[in-house]
Amino acid sequence: MVSSEHKTAETASLNKEASEVISHLKTDVDPAGDDWKLSILETIAEWPLASENIAGEHLDYLIGGEAFDWRLLAKRLLGECGSKIDDEVWQEWLADPALFAGFEEPEFMRAVGVDKFRAHLSYFYGVTVEQSLLTAVEEEITHRRVAAGRPLSDSSIEVAYEMLYGNTRDQLWEVFRIEAGVDAAREGWRYRDEHSLASEDAFTYWLFKLRMERSDPAKIASDTRKGLAKLEHMRQNNARRQKLVHSDNMRIQKRKKRKTNSKSQL
């Protein structure tokens, strides 16, 4: 049995190693071009902590010891870089759900390392795609209700949970909470206490594994394609929105410039 003193010493050692990794990143990161992205990924490869608490927030990078949320860690690391990289630039990078963050698969794998690469795939399919699948099924249920002339209802999401996982969300959450050891919420504080980002991702990954156990290979493949298609559809919609916003901003800047020029000529 590992003593509490040994655990404390090990934690202190890992925290020290993490601090050194951050120091190296601050020194080495180059905001020019896209080189900083590779620096972040290579720093992720060296990162020693599976989770940590920052400013009262629990950051769980490795869900269930299997699914690695590299974007959450990248956000943490980029926050340490201060003003070296424009917030809007790195936020746009992390918001894109592309599987390999804009890199080719071999390059991404070399950057983050084989173990974290595999864990990233577990997160991508077990959390990101699973969330997209749930959204797709919910939309299908809503469309069927509309096509049948039935009134819209908030129950579509509950029906989606029952179709995919065989039970209501609340019942599934209760089983997950007990298995995962999530503390019961305080009276009147259920959503805030239980439904953090970390617990929601862990719950989604738990649902993914439950679905894997319940479904046959053909159904798993079909659902995966559906989730991927929905994810790509959302990504394209987001890209179009960003393009429109950028276009609107350009028009506003041009109008301001014309007004400034007109005033200067008076």
Protein backbone atom coordinates (compact mmCIF):
# COMPACT_ATOMS: atom_id res chain seq x y z
CA MET A 1 0.00 0.00 0.00
CA VAL A 2 1.30 3.44 -0.93
CA SER A 3 1.62 5.70 2.09
CA SER A 4 0.06 9.16 2.18
CA GLU A 5 3.55 10.63 2.57
CA HIS A 6 4.68 8.92 -0.63
CA LYS A 7 1.60 10.19 -2.50
CA THR A 8 2.22 13.71 -1.24
CA ALA A 9 5.85 13.58 -2.34
CA GLU A 10 4.87 12.19 -5.75
CA THR A 11 2.25 14.91 -6.23
CA ALA A 12 4.76 17.60 -5.28
CA SER A 13 7.25 16.15 -7.76
CA LEU A 14 4.68 16.11 -10.58
CA ASN A 15 3.60 19.67 -9.78
CA LYS A 16 7.22 20.79 -9.89
CA GLU A 17 7.69 19.05 -13.23
CA ALA A 18 4.55 20.75 -14.57
CA SER A 19 5.87 24.15 -13.49
CA GLU A 20 9.14 23.47 -15.30
CA VAL A 21 7.27 22.46 -18.46
CA ILE A 22 5.32 25.73 -18.35
CA SER A 23 8.52 27.73 -17.85
CA HIS A 24 10.09 26.11 -20.90
CA LEU A 25 6.97 26.83 -22.95
CA LYS A 26 6.99 30.50 -22.01
CA THR A 27 10.61 30.73 -23.10
CA ASP A 28 10.32 28.73 -26.31
CA VAL A 29 6.90 29.66 -27.72
CA ASP A 30 7.07 31.77 -30.87
CA PRO A 31 3.88 33.65 -31.81
CA ALA A 32 5.04 34.05 -35.41
CA GLY A 33 3.02 32.04 -37.92
CA ASP A 34 1.61 28.76 -36.65
CA ASP A 35 4.77 27.52 -34.93
CA TRP A 36 3.20 28.16 -31.53
CA LYS A 37 0.62 25.44 -32.21
CA LEU A 38 3.32 22.82 -32.55
CA SER A 39 5.01 24.16 -29.41
CA ILE A 40 1.77 23.69 -27.49
CA LEU A 41 1.35 20.12 -28.74
CA GLU A 42 4.94 19.25 -27.91
CA THR A 43 4.48 20.72 -24.45
CA ILE A 44 1.38 18.57 -24.04
CA ALA A 45 3.55 15.52 -24.76
CA GLU A 46 5.71 16.43 -21.75
CA TRP A 47 2.84 17.30 -19.41
CA PRO A 48 2.87 15.04 -16.34
CA LEU A 49 -0.50 15.71 -14.67
CA ALA A 50 -3.73 13.86 -15.42
CA SER A 51 -5.71 16.51 -13.55
CA GLU A 52 -5.20 19.57 -11.39
CA ASN A 53 -7.05 22.30 -9.54
CA ILE A 54 -6.54 25.84 -10.82
CA ALA A 55 -8.17 28.81 -9.10
CA GLY A 56 -10.80 26.57 -7.54
CA GLU A 57 -11.60 24.81 -10.81
CA HIS A 58 -10.93 21.11 -11.27
CA LEU A 59 -9.37 20.34 -14.65
CA ASP A 60 -9.59 16.67 -15.58
CA TYR A 61 -7.40 16.14 -18.64
CA LEU A 62 -7.53 12.33 -18.63
CA ILE A 63 -11.06 11.02 -18.14
CA GLY A 64 -11.22 7.59 -16.58
CA GLY A 65 -7.53 7.14 -17.24
CA GLU A 66 -8.40 6.66 -20.93
CA ALA A 67 -9.79 9.72 -22.71
CA PHE A 68 -7.46 12.70 -23.07
CA ASP A 69 -8.89 16.20 -23.55
CA TRP A 70 -5.88 17.88 -25.15
CA ARG A 71 -7.85 21.06 -25.85
CA LEU A 72 -8.53 21.60 -22.16
CA LEU A 73 -4.83 21.26 -21.42
CA ALA A 74 -3.91 23.45 -24.39
CA LYS A 75 -6.23 26.17 -23.07
CA ARG A 76 -4.51 25.91 -19.69
CA LEU A 77 -1.06 26.21 -21.28
CA LEU A 78 -2.03 29.05 -23.59
CA GLY A 79 -3.38 30.92 -20.61
CA GLU A 80 0.14 30.78 -19.19
CA CYS A 81 1.57 32.39 -22.33
CA GLY A 82 -0.07 35.71 -21.48
CA SER A 83 -0.26 38.18 -24.34
CA LYS A 84 2.27 36.40 -26.55
CA ILE A 85 -0.53 34.84 -28.61
CA ASP A 86 -3.74 36.73 -29.31
CA ASP A 87 -6.66 35.24 -27.38
CA GLU A 88 -8.96 35.31 -30.38
CA VAL A 89 -6.44 33.38 -32.48
CA TRP A 90 -5.90 30.49 -30.08
CA GLN A 91 -9.56 30.35 -29.07
CA GLU A 92 -10.51 29.93 -32.72
CA TRP A 93 -7.95 27.12 -33.04
CA LEU A 94 -9.29 25.26 -30.03
CA ALA A 95 -12.92 25.80 -31.04
CA ASP A 96 -12.39 23.87 -34.28
CA PRO A 97 -13.31 20.22 -33.57
CA ALA A 98 -11.00 18.93 -36.33
CA LEU A 99 -9.60 15.56 -35.28
CA PHE A 100 -5.93 16.50 -35.54
CA ALA A 101 -6.10 20.25 -34.90
CA GLY A 102 -5.23 21.19 -38.46
CA PHE A 103 -2.18 18.90 -38.61
CA GLU A 104 -1.69 15.70 -40.54
CA GLU A 105 -2.27 12.61 -38.40
CA PRO A 106 1.40 11.49 -38.26
CA GLU A 107 2.56 15.00 -37.36
CA PHE A 108 -0.03 15.33 -34.61
CA MET A 109 0.90 11.91 -33.21
CA ARG A 110 4.61 12.73 -33.20
CA ALA A 111 3.94 16.02 -31.43
CA VAL A 112 1.79 14.73 -28.55
CA GLY A 113 3.29 11.25 -28.31
CA VAL A 114 1.73 7.87 -29.00
CA ASP A 115 0.05 7.39 -25.61
CA LYS A 116 -1.62 10.79 -25.56
CA PHE A 117 -2.53 10.38 -29.24
CA ARG A 118 -4.42 7.17 -28.49
CA ALA A 119 -6.06 8.74 -25.47
CA HIS A 120 -7.04 11.71 -27.66
CA LEU A 121 -8.82 9.35 -30.05
CA SER A 122 -10.69 7.87 -27.10
CA TYR A 123 -11.84 11.36 -26.11
CA PHE A 124 -12.73 12.33 -29.66
CA TYR A 125 -14.96 9.31 -30.25
CA GLY A 126 -16.08 8.84 -26.66
CA VAL A 127 -16.97 12.46 -25.87
CA THR A 128 -16.94 14.75 -28.91
CA VAL A 129 -18.58 12.37 -31.38
CA GLU A 130 -20.87 10.94 -28.69
CA GLN A 131 -22.22 14.42 -27.92
CA SER A 132 -22.79 15.00 -31.64
CA LEU A 133 -24.59 11.67 -31.94
CA LEU A 134 -26.93 12.58 -29.09
CA THR A 135 -27.67 15.92 -30.77
CA ALA A 136 -28.32 14.19 -34.10
CA VAL A 137 -30.74 11.69 -32.56
CA GLU A 138 -32.54 14.45 -30.66
CA GLU A 139 -32.99 16.40 -33.90
CA GLU A 140 -34.30 13.30 -35.69
CA ILE A 141 -36.92 12.84 -32.98
CA THR A 142 -37.93 16.50 -33.22
CA HIS A 143 -38.20 16.31 -37.01
CA ARG A 144 -40.40 13.23 -36.78
CA ARG A 145 -42.71 15.01 -34.37
CA VAL A 146 -42.98 17.99 -36.71
CA ALA A 147 -43.56 15.76 -39.75
CA ALA A 148 -46.33 13.96 -37.89
CA GLY A 149 -48.00 17.26 -37.03
CA ARG A 150 -47.35 16.84 -33.32
CA PRO A 151 -46.43 19.82 -31.13
CA LEU A 152 -42.80 20.41 -30.23
CA SER A 153 -41.78 19.08 -26.86
CA ASP A 154 -38.82 19.29 -24.51
CA SER A 155 -39.00 15.52 -24.16
CA SER A 156 -36.99 14.88 -27.35
CA ILE A 157 -33.71 14.82 -25.45
CA GLU A 158 -35.09 12.30 -22.93
CA VAL A 159 -36.34 10.09 -25.75
CA ALA A 160 -32.89 10.32 -27.34
CA TYR A 161 -31.26 9.07 -24.12
CA GLU A 162 -33.71 6.20 -23.93
CA MET A 163 -33.12 5.25 -27.57
CA LEU A 164 -29.34 5.32 -27.29
CA TYR A 165 -28.76 4.17 -23.73
CA GLY A 166 -31.99 2.50 -22.62
CA ASN A 167 -32.98 4.85 -19.81
CA THR A 168 -33.71 8.46 -18.88
CA ARG A 169 -30.88 10.90 -18.34
CA ASP A 170 -31.58 11.28 -14.64
CA GLN A 171 -31.59 7.53 -14.08
CA LEU A 172 -28.40 7.10 -16.09
CA TRP A 173 -26.75 9.96 -14.23
CA GLU A 174 -27.59 8.40 -10.88
CA VAL A 175 -25.94 5.10 -11.87
CA PHE A 176 -22.91 6.98 -13.20
CA ARG A 177 -22.70 9.11 -10.07
CA ILE A 178 -22.60 6.05 -7.84
CA GLU A 179 -20.08 4.19 -10.01
CA ALA A 180 -17.83 7.23 -10.44
CA GLY A 181 -18.05 8.28 -6.81
CA VAL A 182 -19.46 11.72 -7.57
CA ASP A 183 -20.66 13.30 -4.34
CA ALA A 184 -24.37 13.87 -4.03
CA ALA A 185 -25.38 17.49 -4.51
CA ARG A 186 -26.33 19.79 -1.69
CA GLU A 187 -30.00 20.54 -1.30
CA GLY A 188 -30.97 23.07 -3.96
CA TRP A 189 -27.49 23.01 -5.57
CA ARG A 190 -27.79 19.93 -7.76
CA TYR A 191 -26.83 21.39 -11.11
CA ARG A 192 -23.93 23.45 -9.79
CA ASP A 193 -22.53 20.68 -7.59
CA GLU A 194 -22.86 17.73 -9.96
CA HIS A 195 -22.73 19.07 -13.48
CA SER A 196 -19.29 20.56 -13.92
CA LEU A 197 -17.58 20.41 -17.31
CA ALA A 198 -15.36 17.59 -16.04
CA SER A 199 -18.27 15.52 -14.74
CA GLU A 200 -20.33 16.11 -17.90
CA ASP A 201 -17.48 14.88 -20.10
CA ALA A 202 -16.93 11.91 -17.80
CA PHE A 203 -20.65 11.15 -17.95
CA THR A 204 -20.63 11.32 -21.75
CA TYR A 205 -17.64 8.97 -21.90
CA TRP A 206 -19.42 6.60 -19.53
CA LEU A 207 -22.48 6.68 -21.80
CA PHE A 208 -20.27 5.95 -24.80
CA LYS A 209 -18.84 2.85 -23.12
CA LEU A 210 -22.33 1.78 -22.08
CA ARG A 211 -23.50 2.05 -25.69
CA MET A 212 -20.49 0.04 -26.86
CA GLU A 213 -21.49 -2.76 -24.48
CA ARG A 214 -25.15 -2.73 -25.51
CA SER A 215 -24.87 -2.39 -29.29
CA ASP A 216 -23.83 -4.78 -32.02
CA PRO A 217 -20.91 -3.82 -34.32
CA ALA A 218 -23.16 -2.75 -37.21
CA LYS A 219 -25.17 -0.42 -34.96
CA ILE A 220 -21.98 1.00 -33.45
CA ALA A 221 -20.58 1.74 -36.91
CA SER A 222 -23.86 3.33 -38.03
CA ASP A 223 -24.09 5.53 -34.94
CA THR A 224 -20.45 6.56 -35.28
CA ARG A 225 -21.04 7.68 -38.87
CA LYS A 226 -24.10 9.62 -37.75
CA GLY A 227 -22.17 11.35 -34.98
CA LEU A 228 -19.28 12.20 -37.30
CA ALA A 229 -21.65 13.56 -39.95
CA LYS A 230 -23.38 15.77 -37.39
CA LEU A 231 -20.04 17.00 -36.06
CA GLU A 232 -18.87 17.91 -39.55
CA HIS A 233 -22.17 19.67 -40.25
CA MET A 234 -21.78 21.74 -37.07
CA ARG A 235 -18.17 22.51 -37.96
CA GLN A 236 -19.17 23.77 -41.41
CA ASN A 237 -21.96 25.90 -39.94
CA ASN A 238 -19.53 27.40 -37.46
CA ALA A 239 -17.05 28.15 -40.25
CA ARG A 240 -19.78 29.93 -42.21
CA ARG A 241 -20.78 31.96 -39.15
CA GLN A 242 -17.19 32.99 -38.54
CA LYS A 243 -16.84 34.00 -42.18
CA LEU A 244 -19.97 36.14 -41.96
CA VAL A 245 -18.78 37.76 -38.73
CA HIS A 246 -15.41 38.49 -40.30
CA SER A 247 -17.12 39.96 -43.37
CA ASP A 248 -19.36 42.15 -41.18
CA ASN A 249 -16.35 43.36 -39.21
CA MET A 250 -14.55 44.25 -42.43
CA ARG A 251 -17.55 46.26 -43.66
CA ILE A 252 -17.75 48.11 -40.34
CA GLN A 253 -14.05 48.94 -40.49
CA LYS A 254 -14.39 50.20 -44.06
CA ARG A 255 -17.33 52.44 -43.12
CA LYS A 256 -15.39 53.84 -40.18
CA LYS A 257 -12.41 54.48 -42.44
CA ARG A 258 -14.58 56.28 -45.01
CA LYS A 259 -16.12 58.46 -42.29
CA THR A 260 -12.68 59.29 -40.94
CA ASN A 261 -11.43 60.21 -44.41
CA SER A 262 -14.51 62.35 -45.06
CA LYS A 263 -14.02 64.26 -41.82
CA SER A 264 -10.35 64.84 -42.55
CA GLN A 265 -11.23 66.35 -45.93
CA LEU A 266 -13.63 68.89 -44.42
